[in-house]
Amino acid sequence: MVRTALSVPPELARRRNRVIRPKDLADRYAHPRGEVARLTRASVLHRLATGYYALPPLNRLGDPTWIPDLNAVALGIGQADYGVDAVALTGVSAARVHGAIPRSVAVAVLAAPKQRPPLSIGAAKVVFTRRDVARLDVERTETELGAGWVTTVEQTVLDLAARPELGGLDAADVSEAIRALIPRADGPILESLAKVQRRPRALAVAQALAERASGA
């Protein structure tokens, strides 16, 4: 285990984003794909999908049983492709980060500057939705693969209400997530976001769910 950990180049271990593409190592290795394959065989890297690998937390290096959190994977892949400030967890992923969806979900939703097909991560998948993150209300989040952005409670409420189908959850589960988030949302901020982002219908849907819950 010690020898495996020591085989990790220091600059690799210090990376803020622990999702790695072979081309990210081209300036260090003459044959980066071969080096990535070697590190993967040693369980120093974990293969996520074609062209993407995760460097585990230092205390899990060499552990072949380690499986990274799907939302952490989605954020890390987005950061690797587009940069830290261009991507954010949104929709059901943000709801999960905020504790509004207690069970594991096999889909992660990532706001990114480009629309692209879903990316399979084993039996799960990452869904990309084209959004300008600079126009979203976001906050910092920490994952086991690095720090990044997640939409705030208020933004998440609007996103879920506007596109409940994104992420593939049942409508009942999405409604339950909205009802869980609404009491924690700042009313004026929620209304301001709905106005700026031209989402009055999403706001009305969220408020109706909140009223129904309070009257139950």
N, C-alpha and C. Protein backbone atom coordinates (compact mmCIF):
# COMPACT_ATOMS: atom_id res chain seq x y z
N MET A 1 0.83 -1.21 0.00
CA MET A 1 0.00 0.00 0.00
C MET A 1 0.86 1.26 0.00
N VAL A 2 1.94 1.26 0.82
CA VAL A 2 2.80 2.43 0.89
C VAL A 2 3.49 2.66 -0.44
N ARG A 3 3.99 1.53 -1.05
CA ARG A 3 4.68 1.67 -2.32
C ARG A 3 3.74 2.21 -3.39
N THR A 4 2.46 1.79 -3.37
CA THR A 4 1.49 2.28 -4.34
C THR A 4 1.24 3.77 -4.16
N ALA A 5 1.07 4.18 -2.91
CA ALA A 5 0.81 5.59 -2.63
C ALA A 5 1.99 6.45 -3.06
N LEU A 6 3.22 5.93 -2.83
CA LEU A 6 4.40 6.70 -3.18
C LEU A 6 4.61 6.79 -4.68
N SER A 7 3.95 5.90 -5.44
CA SER A 7 4.11 5.92 -6.89
C SER A 7 3.30 7.04 -7.54
N VAL A 8 2.46 7.70 -6.77
CA VAL A 8 1.65 8.79 -7.31
C VAL A 8 2.53 10.04 -7.40
N PRO A 9 2.67 10.61 -8.59
CA PRO A 9 3.47 11.84 -8.70
C PRO A 9 2.90 12.92 -7.78
N PRO A 10 3.75 13.65 -7.07
CA PRO A 10 3.26 14.67 -6.12
C PRO A 10 2.30 15.66 -6.75
N GLU A 11 2.57 16.09 -7.98
CA GLU A 11 1.68 17.08 -8.60
C GLU A 11 0.32 16.48 -8.90
N LEU A 12 0.26 15.16 -9.06
CA LEU A 12 -1.02 14.50 -9.28
C LEU A 12 -1.82 14.47 -7.98
N ALA A 13 -1.14 14.14 -6.89
CA ALA A 13 -1.80 14.07 -5.58
C ALA A 13 -2.27 15.44 -5.12
N ARG A 14 -1.64 16.50 -5.60
CA ARG A 14 -2.01 17.85 -5.16
C ARG A 14 -3.11 18.48 -6.00
N ARG A 15 -3.57 17.80 -7.02
CA ARG A 15 -4.58 18.37 -7.91
C ARG A 15 -5.84 18.73 -7.13
N ARG A 16 -6.39 19.90 -7.42
CA ARG A 16 -7.65 20.29 -6.78
C ARG A 16 -8.81 19.45 -7.31
N ASN A 17 -8.81 19.22 -8.62
CA ASN A 17 -9.82 18.35 -9.22
C ASN A 17 -9.18 16.98 -9.40
N ARG A 18 -9.74 15.98 -8.75
CA ARG A 18 -9.14 14.65 -8.76
C ARG A 18 -9.69 13.76 -9.87
N VAL A 19 -10.39 14.38 -10.84
CA VAL A 19 -10.76 13.67 -12.06
C VAL A 19 -9.69 14.01 -13.11
N ILE A 20 -9.14 12.97 -13.70
CA ILE A 20 -7.98 13.12 -14.58
C ILE A 20 -8.28 12.52 -15.94
N ARG A 21 -7.84 13.23 -16.98
CA ARG A 21 -7.89 12.71 -18.34
C ARG A 21 -6.45 12.41 -18.77
N PRO A 22 -6.21 11.37 -19.54
CA PRO A 22 -4.84 11.08 -19.97
C PRO A 22 -4.14 12.28 -20.60
N LYS A 23 -4.89 13.08 -21.35
CA LYS A 23 -4.24 14.22 -22.00
C LYS A 23 -3.77 15.27 -21.00
N ASP A 24 -4.31 15.24 -19.77
CA ASP A 24 -3.85 16.17 -18.74
C ASP A 24 -2.42 15.86 -18.32
N LEU A 25 -1.95 14.66 -18.62
CA LEU A 25 -0.61 14.23 -18.20
C LEU A 25 0.39 14.25 -19.35
N ALA A 26 -0.02 14.80 -20.48
CA ALA A 26 0.85 14.78 -21.67
C ALA A 26 2.13 15.56 -21.47
N ASP A 27 2.12 16.57 -20.59
CA ASP A 27 3.33 17.35 -20.38
C ASP A 27 4.32 16.66 -19.44
N ARG A 28 3.89 15.56 -18.82
CA ARG A 28 4.77 14.85 -17.90
C ARG A 28 5.24 13.50 -18.46
N TYR A 29 4.36 12.83 -19.19
CA TYR A 29 4.68 11.50 -19.68
C TYR A 29 4.67 11.47 -21.21
N ALA A 30 5.62 10.74 -21.78
CA ALA A 30 5.67 10.58 -23.23
C ALA A 30 4.49 9.74 -23.71
N HIS A 31 4.03 8.82 -22.85
CA HIS A 31 2.90 7.95 -23.19
C HIS A 31 1.89 7.99 -22.04
N PRO A 32 1.12 9.07 -21.94
CA PRO A 32 0.21 9.23 -20.80
C PRO A 32 -0.84 8.14 -20.67
N ARG A 33 -1.32 7.62 -21.78
CA ARG A 33 -2.35 6.56 -21.70
C ARG A 33 -1.77 5.30 -21.07
N GLY A 34 -0.54 4.99 -21.41
CA GLY A 34 0.11 3.83 -20.81
C GLY A 34 0.32 4.02 -19.33
N GLU A 35 0.70 5.24 -18.92
CA GLU A 35 0.91 5.51 -17.51
C GLU A 35 -0.41 5.46 -16.74
N VAL A 36 -1.46 5.98 -17.34
CA VAL A 36 -2.78 5.91 -16.70
C VAL A 36 -3.23 4.47 -16.56
N ALA A 37 -2.98 3.65 -17.58
CA ALA A 37 -3.34 2.23 -17.50
C ALA A 37 -2.58 1.55 -16.37
N ARG A 38 -1.29 1.89 -16.20
CA ARG A 38 -0.49 1.29 -15.13
C ARG A 38 -1.04 1.68 -13.77
N LEU A 39 -1.35 2.97 -13.60
CA LEU A 39 -1.88 3.44 -12.32
C LEU A 39 -3.26 2.85 -12.03
N THR A 40 -4.03 2.61 -13.07
CA THR A 40 -5.35 2.00 -12.88
C THR A 40 -5.21 0.55 -12.45
N ARG A 41 -4.30 -0.17 -13.04
CA ARG A 41 -4.08 -1.57 -12.63
C ARG A 41 -3.64 -1.66 -11.18
N ALA A 42 -2.93 -0.63 -10.71
CA ALA A 42 -2.46 -0.61 -9.32
C ALA A 42 -3.50 -0.06 -8.37
N SER A 43 -4.71 0.25 -8.87
CA SER A 43 -5.79 0.84 -8.08
C SER A 43 -5.40 2.20 -7.50
N VAL A 44 -4.47 2.87 -8.17
CA VAL A 44 -4.14 4.25 -7.81
C VAL A 44 -5.12 5.19 -8.50
N LEU A 45 -5.56 4.82 -9.70
CA LEU A 45 -6.61 5.54 -10.39
C LEU A 45 -7.81 4.61 -10.56
N HIS A 46 -9.00 5.21 -10.59
CA HIS A 46 -10.24 4.46 -10.78
C HIS A 46 -10.86 4.91 -12.10
N ARG A 47 -11.08 3.97 -13.00
CA ARG A 47 -11.66 4.32 -14.30
C ARG A 47 -13.14 4.65 -14.14
N LEU A 48 -13.53 5.83 -14.65
CA LEU A 48 -14.91 6.29 -14.58
C LEU A 48 -15.66 6.00 -15.88
N ALA A 49 -15.04 6.38 -16.99
CA ALA A 49 -15.60 6.21 -18.32
C ALA A 49 -14.44 6.39 -19.29
N THR A 50 -14.69 6.17 -20.56
CA THR A 50 -13.62 6.32 -21.54
C THR A 50 -13.03 7.73 -21.46
N GLY A 51 -11.74 7.80 -21.14
CA GLY A 51 -11.05 9.09 -21.09
C GLY A 51 -11.10 9.81 -19.76
N TYR A 52 -11.75 9.21 -18.74
CA TYR A 52 -11.87 9.87 -17.44
C TYR A 52 -11.52 8.89 -16.32
N TYR A 53 -10.69 9.37 -15.40
CA TYR A 53 -10.24 8.56 -14.27
C TYR A 53 -10.28 9.40 -13.00
N ALA A 54 -10.50 8.74 -11.88
CA ALA A 54 -10.54 9.46 -10.61
C ALA A 54 -9.37 9.05 -9.73
N LEU A 55 -8.76 10.04 -9.10
CA LEU A 55 -7.72 9.78 -8.11
C LEU A 55 -8.40 9.74 -6.75
N PRO A 56 -8.40 8.60 -6.07
CA PRO A 56 -9.11 8.49 -4.79
C PRO A 56 -8.49 9.39 -3.73
N PRO A 57 -9.24 9.63 -2.66
CA PRO A 57 -8.65 10.30 -1.50
C PRO A 57 -7.42 9.51 -1.05
N LEU A 58 -6.47 10.21 -0.46
CA LEU A 58 -5.20 9.56 -0.13
C LEU A 58 -5.36 8.33 0.75
N ASN A 59 -6.37 8.34 1.62
CA ASN A 59 -6.55 7.18 2.50
C ASN A 59 -7.21 5.99 1.80
N ARG A 60 -7.58 6.16 0.51
CA ARG A 60 -8.19 5.05 -0.24
C ARG A 60 -7.33 4.63 -1.44
N LEU A 61 -6.13 5.21 -1.55
CA LEU A 61 -5.25 4.82 -2.65
C LEU A 61 -4.94 3.34 -2.56
N GLY A 62 -5.00 2.65 -3.69
CA GLY A 62 -4.72 1.23 -3.73
C GLY A 62 -5.87 0.36 -3.30
N ASP A 63 -7.01 0.95 -2.99
CA ASP A 63 -8.19 0.19 -2.55
C ASP A 63 -9.09 -0.07 -3.75
N PRO A 64 -9.13 -1.30 -4.27
CA PRO A 64 -9.93 -1.58 -5.47
C PRO A 64 -11.43 -1.54 -5.22
N THR A 65 -11.85 -1.48 -3.96
CA THR A 65 -13.29 -1.46 -3.66
C THR A 65 -13.86 -0.04 -3.63
N TRP A 66 -13.01 0.96 -3.71
CA TRP A 66 -13.48 2.35 -3.61
C TRP A 66 -14.30 2.73 -4.84
N ILE A 67 -15.49 3.29 -4.59
CA ILE A 67 -16.37 3.79 -5.65
C ILE A 67 -16.68 5.25 -5.33
N PRO A 68 -16.37 6.18 -6.22
CA PRO A 68 -16.62 7.60 -5.93
C PRO A 68 -18.10 7.95 -5.99
N ASP A 69 -18.47 8.98 -5.25
CA ASP A 69 -19.83 9.51 -5.29
C ASP A 69 -20.15 10.04 -6.68
N LEU A 70 -21.33 9.74 -7.19
CA LEU A 70 -21.70 10.10 -8.56
C LEU A 70 -21.71 11.61 -8.77
N ASN A 71 -22.22 12.37 -7.80
CA ASN A 71 -22.24 13.82 -7.97
C ASN A 71 -20.82 14.39 -8.00
N ALA A 72 -19.93 13.81 -7.19
CA ALA A 72 -18.53 14.24 -7.22
C ALA A 72 -17.91 13.95 -8.58
N VAL A 73 -18.27 12.80 -9.14
CA VAL A 73 -17.77 12.43 -10.47
C VAL A 73 -18.26 13.41 -11.52
N ALA A 74 -19.56 13.72 -11.49
CA ALA A 74 -20.13 14.65 -12.47
C ALA A 74 -19.44 16.01 -12.41
N LEU A 75 -19.27 16.51 -11.20
CA LEU A 75 -18.64 17.82 -11.04
C LEU A 75 -17.19 17.77 -11.53
N GLY A 76 -16.48 16.71 -11.18
CA GLY A 76 -15.08 16.59 -11.59
C GLY A 76 -14.92 16.48 -13.09
N ILE A 77 -15.78 15.71 -13.75
CA ILE A 77 -15.70 15.59 -15.20
C ILE A 77 -15.99 16.94 -15.86
N GLY A 78 -17.01 17.63 -15.37
CA GLY A 78 -17.33 18.94 -15.93
C GLY A 78 -16.19 19.92 -15.76
N GLN A 79 -15.56 19.92 -14.60
CA GLN A 79 -14.44 20.82 -14.36
C GLN A 79 -13.26 20.48 -15.26
N ALA A 80 -13.01 19.18 -15.46
CA ALA A 80 -11.91 18.77 -16.33
C ALA A 80 -12.12 19.26 -17.75
N ASP A 81 -13.36 19.25 -18.22
CA ASP A 81 -13.66 19.63 -19.60
C ASP A 81 -13.87 21.12 -19.81
N TYR A 82 -14.44 21.80 -18.80
CA TYR A 82 -14.85 23.19 -19.02
C TYR A 82 -14.29 24.20 -18.02
N GLY A 83 -13.69 23.72 -16.93
CA GLY A 83 -13.18 24.63 -15.91
C GLY A 83 -14.10 24.69 -14.70
N VAL A 84 -13.52 25.06 -13.59
CA VAL A 84 -14.25 25.04 -12.31
C VAL A 84 -15.47 25.94 -12.33
N ASP A 85 -15.35 27.15 -12.86
CA ASP A 85 -16.43 28.12 -12.77
C ASP A 85 -17.49 27.99 -13.86
N ALA A 86 -17.33 27.04 -14.76
CA ALA A 86 -18.28 26.90 -15.87
C ALA A 86 -19.32 25.83 -15.63
N VAL A 87 -19.20 25.09 -14.50
CA VAL A 87 -20.12 23.98 -14.26
C VAL A 87 -20.65 24.03 -12.82
N ALA A 88 -21.82 23.43 -12.63
CA ALA A 88 -22.42 23.37 -11.29
C ALA A 88 -23.40 22.21 -11.23
N LEU A 89 -23.46 21.57 -10.08
CA LEU A 89 -24.49 20.57 -9.85
C LEU A 89 -25.84 21.28 -9.76
N THR A 90 -26.84 20.71 -10.39
CA THR A 90 -28.15 21.36 -10.43
C THR A 90 -29.25 20.30 -10.37
N GLY A 91 -30.49 20.74 -10.33
CA GLY A 91 -31.61 19.81 -10.35
C GLY A 91 -31.57 18.78 -9.25
N VAL A 92 -31.75 17.49 -9.62
CA VAL A 92 -31.80 16.44 -8.60
C VAL A 92 -30.46 16.30 -7.87
N SER A 93 -29.36 16.60 -8.55
CA SER A 93 -28.05 16.52 -7.89
C SER A 93 -27.94 17.57 -6.80
N ALA A 94 -28.36 18.79 -7.10
CA ALA A 94 -28.33 19.85 -6.09
C ALA A 94 -29.27 19.51 -4.94
N ALA A 95 -30.44 18.98 -5.27
CA ALA A 95 -31.40 18.58 -4.22
C ALA A 95 -30.79 17.53 -3.31
N ARG A 96 -30.03 16.62 -3.90
CA ARG A 96 -29.38 15.58 -3.09
C ARG A 96 -28.30 16.20 -2.20
N VAL A 97 -27.51 17.13 -2.74
CA VAL A 97 -26.49 17.81 -1.94
C VAL A 97 -27.13 18.55 -0.77
N HIS A 98 -28.29 19.15 -1.00
CA HIS A 98 -28.99 19.91 0.04
C HIS A 98 -29.82 19.01 0.97
N GLY A 99 -29.75 17.70 0.77
CA GLY A 99 -30.42 16.78 1.67
C GLY A 99 -31.90 16.60 1.43
N ALA A 100 -32.40 17.05 0.27
CA ALA A 100 -33.83 16.95 -0.01
C ALA A 100 -34.21 15.63 -0.66
N ILE A 101 -33.21 14.86 -1.11
CA ILE A 101 -33.44 13.53 -1.65
C ILE A 101 -32.55 12.59 -0.86
N PRO A 102 -33.10 11.89 0.12
CA PRO A 102 -32.27 11.09 1.02
C PRO A 102 -31.67 9.84 0.41
N ARG A 103 -32.32 9.27 -0.59
CA ARG A 103 -31.81 8.02 -1.16
C ARG A 103 -30.85 8.30 -2.31
N SER A 104 -30.03 7.30 -2.62
CA SER A 104 -29.09 7.42 -3.73
C SER A 104 -29.86 7.47 -5.05
N VAL A 105 -29.33 8.27 -5.99
CA VAL A 105 -29.95 8.41 -7.30
C VAL A 105 -28.89 8.05 -8.34
N ALA A 106 -29.29 7.28 -9.35
CA ALA A 106 -28.33 6.78 -10.34
C ALA A 106 -28.11 7.76 -11.49
N VAL A 107 -28.55 9.01 -11.29
CA VAL A 107 -28.36 10.05 -12.30
C VAL A 107 -27.83 11.31 -11.62
N ALA A 108 -26.81 11.91 -12.20
CA ALA A 108 -26.32 13.22 -11.74
C ALA A 108 -26.61 14.23 -12.84
N VAL A 109 -27.02 15.43 -12.45
CA VAL A 109 -27.35 16.48 -13.42
C VAL A 109 -26.36 17.62 -13.24
N LEU A 110 -25.71 18.00 -14.33
CA LEU A 110 -24.68 19.03 -14.29
C LEU A 110 -24.98 20.15 -15.26
N ALA A 111 -25.00 21.38 -14.77
CA ALA A 111 -25.10 22.55 -15.64
C ALA A 111 -23.74 22.79 -16.25
N ALA A 112 -23.69 22.92 -17.58
CA ALA A 112 -22.42 23.07 -18.30
C ALA A 112 -22.64 24.01 -19.48
N PRO A 113 -21.56 24.55 -20.04
CA PRO A 113 -21.72 25.51 -21.15
C PRO A 113 -22.15 24.89 -22.46
N LYS A 114 -22.08 23.55 -22.57
CA LYS A 114 -22.45 22.89 -23.81
C LYS A 114 -23.43 21.75 -23.52
N GLN A 115 -24.37 21.57 -24.45
CA GLN A 115 -25.25 20.40 -24.38
C GLN A 115 -24.50 19.22 -24.97
N ARG A 116 -24.56 18.07 -24.32
CA ARG A 116 -23.89 16.88 -24.83
C ARG A 116 -24.66 15.65 -24.37
N PRO A 117 -24.45 14.53 -25.02
CA PRO A 117 -25.18 13.31 -24.63
C PRO A 117 -24.83 12.90 -23.20
N PRO A 118 -25.73 12.18 -22.55
CA PRO A 118 -25.41 11.66 -21.21
C PRO A 118 -24.17 10.78 -21.26
N LEU A 119 -23.43 10.77 -20.17
CA LEU A 119 -22.22 9.98 -20.07
C LEU A 119 -22.44 8.86 -19.06
N SER A 120 -22.28 7.62 -19.51
CA SER A 120 -22.48 6.48 -18.62
C SER A 120 -21.29 6.32 -17.69
N ILE A 121 -21.61 6.15 -16.41
CA ILE A 121 -20.60 5.87 -15.38
C ILE A 121 -21.02 4.56 -14.74
N GLY A 122 -20.56 3.44 -15.29
CA GLY A 122 -21.05 2.15 -14.84
C GLY A 122 -22.54 2.04 -15.13
N ALA A 123 -23.32 1.71 -14.10
CA ALA A 123 -24.77 1.60 -14.27
C ALA A 123 -25.47 2.94 -14.11
N ALA A 124 -24.74 3.98 -13.76
CA ALA A 124 -25.30 5.32 -13.57
C ALA A 124 -24.97 6.19 -14.78
N LYS A 125 -25.41 7.44 -14.73
CA LYS A 125 -25.09 8.34 -15.83
C LYS A 125 -25.07 9.79 -15.36
N VAL A 126 -24.33 10.60 -16.10
CA VAL A 126 -24.28 12.04 -15.89
C VAL A 126 -25.04 12.70 -17.03
N VAL A 127 -26.02 13.52 -16.67
CA VAL A 127 -26.81 14.26 -17.66
C VAL A 127 -26.34 15.70 -17.66
N PHE A 128 -26.00 16.21 -18.84
CA PHE A 128 -25.53 17.58 -18.98
C PHE A 128 -26.67 18.46 -19.48
N THR A 129 -26.84 19.61 -18.85
CA THR A 129 -27.85 20.56 -19.31
C THR A 129 -27.16 21.90 -19.57
N ARG A 130 -27.41 22.45 -20.73
CA ARG A 130 -26.72 23.68 -21.11
C ARG A 130 -27.25 24.86 -20.32
N ARG A 131 -26.39 25.42 -19.48
CA ARG A 131 -26.75 26.59 -18.68
C ARG A 131 -25.52 27.49 -18.56
N ASP A 132 -25.75 28.79 -18.44
CA ASP A 132 -24.68 29.74 -18.14
C ASP A 132 -24.59 29.83 -16.63
N VAL A 133 -23.59 29.19 -16.04
CA VAL A 133 -23.48 29.13 -14.58
C VAL A 133 -23.34 30.52 -13.97
N ALA A 134 -22.77 31.45 -14.73
CA ALA A 134 -22.61 32.82 -14.22
C ALA A 134 -23.96 33.48 -13.97
N ARG A 135 -25.01 32.98 -14.59
CA ARG A 135 -26.36 33.54 -14.42
C ARG A 135 -27.18 32.79 -13.38
N LEU A 136 -26.60 31.75 -12.80
CA LEU A 136 -27.30 30.97 -11.79
C LEU A 136 -26.87 31.41 -10.40
N ASP A 137 -27.74 31.13 -9.44
CA ASP A 137 -27.40 31.40 -8.04
C ASP A 137 -26.74 30.13 -7.49
N VAL A 138 -25.45 30.22 -7.21
CA VAL A 138 -24.71 29.03 -6.80
C VAL A 138 -23.95 29.28 -5.50
N GLU A 139 -23.52 28.20 -4.89
CA GLU A 139 -22.70 28.27 -3.70
C GLU A 139 -21.66 27.17 -3.74
N ARG A 140 -20.66 27.28 -2.90
CA ARG A 140 -19.56 26.33 -2.90
C ARG A 140 -19.97 25.01 -2.25
N THR A 141 -19.47 23.92 -2.81
CA THR A 141 -19.68 22.61 -2.20
C THR A 141 -18.37 21.83 -2.24
N GLU A 142 -18.18 20.97 -1.26
CA GLU A 142 -16.99 20.13 -1.19
C GLU A 142 -17.37 18.70 -1.51
N THR A 143 -16.58 18.04 -2.34
CA THR A 143 -16.79 16.62 -2.64
C THR A 143 -15.48 15.88 -2.40
N GLU A 144 -15.55 14.57 -2.44
CA GLU A 144 -14.33 13.78 -2.23
C GLU A 144 -13.36 13.90 -3.39
N LEU A 145 -13.81 14.50 -4.50
CA LEU A 145 -12.94 14.68 -5.66
C LEU A 145 -12.59 16.14 -5.90
N GLY A 146 -12.96 17.02 -4.96
CA GLY A 146 -12.63 18.43 -5.09
C GLY A 146 -13.82 19.33 -4.84
N ALA A 147 -13.55 20.62 -4.77
CA ALA A 147 -14.59 21.62 -4.51
C ALA A 147 -15.15 22.16 -5.82
N GLY A 148 -16.38 22.65 -5.75
CA GLY A 148 -16.98 23.23 -6.94
C GLY A 148 -18.27 23.93 -6.59
N TRP A 149 -19.14 24.11 -7.58
CA TRP A 149 -20.37 24.86 -7.40
C TRP A 149 -21.59 23.94 -7.42
N VAL A 150 -22.57 24.33 -6.62
CA VAL A 150 -23.89 23.69 -6.62
C VAL A 150 -24.91 24.82 -6.55
N THR A 151 -26.06 24.64 -7.19
CA THR A 151 -27.07 25.68 -7.13
C THR A 151 -27.60 25.81 -5.70
N THR A 152 -27.95 27.02 -5.32
CA THR A 152 -28.49 27.28 -3.98
C THR A 152 -29.85 26.63 -3.82
N VAL A 153 -30.35 26.62 -2.61
CA VAL A 153 -31.68 26.07 -2.35
C VAL A 153 -32.72 26.75 -3.23
N GLU A 154 -32.66 28.08 -3.30
CA GLU A 154 -33.66 28.82 -4.08
C GLU A 154 -33.58 28.48 -5.56
N GLN A 155 -32.37 28.44 -6.10
CA GLN A 155 -32.19 28.12 -7.52
C GLN A 155 -32.64 26.68 -7.80
N THR A 156 -32.33 25.81 -6.87
CA THR A 156 -32.70 24.40 -7.03
C THR A 156 -34.21 24.22 -7.06
N VAL A 157 -34.91 24.94 -6.21
CA VAL A 157 -36.38 24.89 -6.20
C VAL A 157 -36.93 25.27 -7.58
N LEU A 158 -36.44 26.37 -8.13
CA LEU A 158 -36.92 26.82 -9.44
C LEU A 158 -36.57 25.82 -10.53
N ASP A 159 -35.35 25.28 -10.49
CA ASP A 159 -34.92 24.34 -11.52
C ASP A 159 -35.77 23.07 -11.49
N LEU A 160 -36.03 22.56 -10.30
CA LEU A 160 -36.85 21.35 -10.19
C LEU A 160 -38.28 21.60 -10.66
N ALA A 161 -38.81 22.75 -10.30
CA ALA A 161 -40.19 23.07 -10.69
C ALA A 161 -40.29 23.32 -12.19
N ALA A 162 -39.24 23.89 -12.79
CA ALA A 162 -39.27 24.21 -14.21
C ALA A 162 -39.06 22.98 -15.08
N ARG A 163 -38.19 22.06 -14.63
CA ARG A 163 -37.88 20.87 -15.43
C ARG A 163 -37.88 19.63 -14.53
N PRO A 164 -39.03 19.21 -14.06
CA PRO A 164 -39.10 18.07 -13.14
C PRO A 164 -38.64 16.76 -13.77
N GLU A 165 -38.68 16.69 -15.09
CA GLU A 165 -38.32 15.43 -15.77
C GLU A 165 -36.81 15.26 -15.91
N LEU A 166 -36.05 16.33 -15.75
CA LEU A 166 -34.61 16.27 -15.95
C LEU A 166 -33.96 15.45 -14.83
N GLY A 167 -33.37 14.35 -15.19
CA GLY A 167 -32.78 13.47 -14.18
C GLY A 167 -33.54 12.18 -14.02
N GLY A 168 -34.76 12.14 -14.57
CA GLY A 168 -35.48 10.88 -14.61
C GLY A 168 -36.16 10.44 -13.33
N LEU A 169 -36.26 11.31 -12.33
CA LEU A 169 -36.97 10.95 -11.10
C LEU A 169 -38.48 10.97 -11.33
N ASP A 170 -39.20 10.19 -10.53
CA ASP A 170 -40.66 10.24 -10.59
C ASP A 170 -41.13 11.63 -10.18
N ALA A 171 -42.26 12.03 -10.75
CA ALA A 171 -42.82 13.35 -10.43
C ALA A 171 -43.07 13.50 -8.94
N ALA A 172 -43.50 12.41 -8.31
CA ALA A 172 -43.78 12.46 -6.87
C ALA A 172 -42.51 12.74 -6.07
N ASP A 173 -41.39 12.14 -6.49
CA ASP A 173 -40.12 12.36 -5.80
C ASP A 173 -39.64 13.80 -5.96
N VAL A 174 -39.82 14.35 -7.16
CA VAL A 174 -39.42 15.74 -7.41
C VAL A 174 -40.28 16.68 -6.57
N SER A 175 -41.57 16.43 -6.52
CA SER A 175 -42.46 17.26 -5.72
C SER A 175 -42.08 17.20 -4.24
N GLU A 176 -41.73 16.00 -3.79
CA GLU A 176 -41.32 15.85 -2.39
C GLU A 176 -40.03 16.63 -2.12
N ALA A 177 -39.11 16.62 -3.07
CA ALA A 177 -37.86 17.37 -2.90
C ALA A 177 -38.14 18.87 -2.84
N ILE A 178 -39.04 19.35 -3.68
CA ILE A 178 -39.39 20.78 -3.66
C ILE A 178 -40.02 21.14 -2.32
N ARG A 179 -40.93 20.30 -1.84
CA ARG A 179 -41.57 20.57 -0.55
C ARG A 179 -40.56 20.57 0.59
N ALA A 180 -39.52 19.74 0.48
CA ALA A 180 -38.49 19.71 1.52
C ALA A 180 -37.61 20.96 1.49
N LEU A 181 -37.42 21.52 0.29
CA LEU A 181 -36.53 22.68 0.14
C LEU A 181 -37.23 24.01 0.42
N ILE A 182 -38.51 24.10 0.08
CA ILE A 182 -39.23 25.37 0.18
C ILE A 182 -39.13 26.03 1.56
N PRO A 183 -39.29 25.29 2.67
CA PRO A 183 -39.20 25.95 3.98
C PRO A 183 -37.83 26.56 4.26
N ARG A 184 -36.81 26.07 3.57
CA ARG A 184 -35.46 26.58 3.77
C ARG A 184 -35.10 27.71 2.81
N ALA A 185 -35.97 27.95 1.84
CA ALA A 185 -35.69 28.98 0.83
C ALA A 185 -36.02 30.37 1.37
N ASP A 186 -35.23 31.34 0.95
CA ASP A 186 -35.49 32.74 1.27
C ASP A 186 -36.52 33.26 0.26
N GLY A 187 -37.71 33.63 0.76
CA GLY A 187 -38.81 34.04 -0.13
C GLY A 187 -38.46 35.15 -1.09
N PRO A 188 -37.94 36.28 -0.61
CA PRO A 188 -37.58 37.37 -1.53
C PRO A 188 -36.54 36.98 -2.57
N ILE A 189 -35.56 36.16 -2.16
CA ILE A 189 -34.54 35.71 -3.13
C ILE A 189 -35.18 34.81 -4.17
N LEU A 190 -36.04 33.93 -3.73
CA LEU A 190 -36.73 33.02 -4.64
C LEU A 190 -37.55 33.81 -5.67
N GLU A 191 -38.29 34.80 -5.20
CA GLU A 191 -39.12 35.61 -6.10
C GLU A 191 -38.25 36.44 -7.04
N SER A 192 -37.14 36.96 -6.53
CA SER A 192 -36.24 37.75 -7.37
C SER A 192 -35.62 36.90 -8.47
N LEU A 193 -35.19 35.69 -8.12
CA LEU A 193 -34.61 34.80 -9.13
C LEU A 193 -35.65 34.45 -10.19
N ALA A 194 -36.88 34.18 -9.76
CA ALA A 194 -37.94 33.83 -10.70
C ALA A 194 -38.20 34.98 -11.68
N LYS A 195 -38.12 36.18 -11.17
CA LYS A 195 -38.35 37.34 -12.03
C LYS A 195 -37.21 37.54 -13.01
N VAL A 196 -35.96 37.51 -12.51
CA VAL A 196 -34.79 37.74 -13.36
C VAL A 196 -34.66 36.63 -14.41
N GLN A 197 -34.95 35.40 -14.02
CA GLN A 197 -34.79 34.27 -14.93
C GLN A 197 -36.08 33.96 -15.72
N ARG A 198 -37.08 34.79 -15.54
CA ARG A 198 -38.35 34.66 -16.27
C ARG A 198 -38.97 33.28 -16.05
N ARG A 199 -39.13 32.96 -14.78
CA ARG A 199 -39.70 31.67 -14.43
C ARG A 199 -40.89 31.83 -13.47
N PRO A 200 -41.86 32.63 -13.83
CA PRO A 200 -43.01 32.82 -12.94
C PRO A 200 -43.81 31.53 -12.77
N ARG A 201 -43.88 30.72 -13.81
CA ARG A 201 -44.65 29.47 -13.70
C ARG A 201 -43.97 28.51 -12.73
N ALA A 202 -42.64 28.42 -12.79
CA ALA A 202 -41.91 27.55 -11.86
C ALA A 202 -42.13 27.99 -10.42
N LEU A 203 -42.12 29.30 -10.21
CA LEU A 203 -42.36 29.84 -8.87
C LEU A 203 -43.77 29.48 -8.41
N ALA A 204 -44.74 29.61 -9.30
CA ALA A 204 -46.12 29.30 -8.94
C ALA A 204 -46.27 27.82 -8.59
N VAL A 205 -45.60 26.95 -9.34
CA VAL A 205 -45.65 25.51 -9.06
C VAL A 205 -45.07 25.22 -7.68
N ALA A 206 -43.92 25.82 -7.38
CA ALA A 206 -43.26 25.60 -6.10
C ALA A 206 -44.12 26.11 -4.95
N GLN A 207 -44.70 27.29 -5.13
CA GLN A 207 -45.53 27.86 -4.07
C GLN A 207 -46.80 27.03 -3.85
N ALA A 208 -47.36 26.50 -4.92
CA ALA A 208 -48.55 25.66 -4.80
C ALA A 208 -48.23 24.38 -4.02
N LEU A 209 -47.08 23.81 -4.29
CA LEU A 209 -46.66 22.60 -3.56
C LEU A 209 -46.46 22.91 -2.09
N ALA A 210 -45.89 24.09 -1.82
CA ALA A 210 -45.67 24.50 -0.41
C ALA A 210 -47.00 24.70 0.30
N GLU A 211 -47.94 25.33 -0.36
CA GLU A 211 -49.26 25.57 0.24
C GLU A 211 -50.00 24.26 0.49
N ARG A 212 -49.86 23.34 -0.44
CA ARG A 212 -50.51 22.04 -0.29
C ARG A 212 -49.94 21.28 0.88
N ALA A 213 -48.60 21.39 1.03
CA ALA A 213 -47.95 20.70 2.15
C ALA A 213 -48.35 21.29 3.49
N SER A 214 -48.44 22.62 3.56
CA SER A 214 -48.80 23.28 4.82
C SER A 214 -50.25 23.03 5.20
N GLY A 215 -51.08 22.76 4.18
CA GLY A 215 -52.49 22.52 4.47
C GLY A 215 -52.82 21.07 4.72
N ALA A 216 -51.79 20.23 4.52
CA ALA A 216 -52.04 18.79 4.70
C ALA A 216 -52.20 18.43 6.17
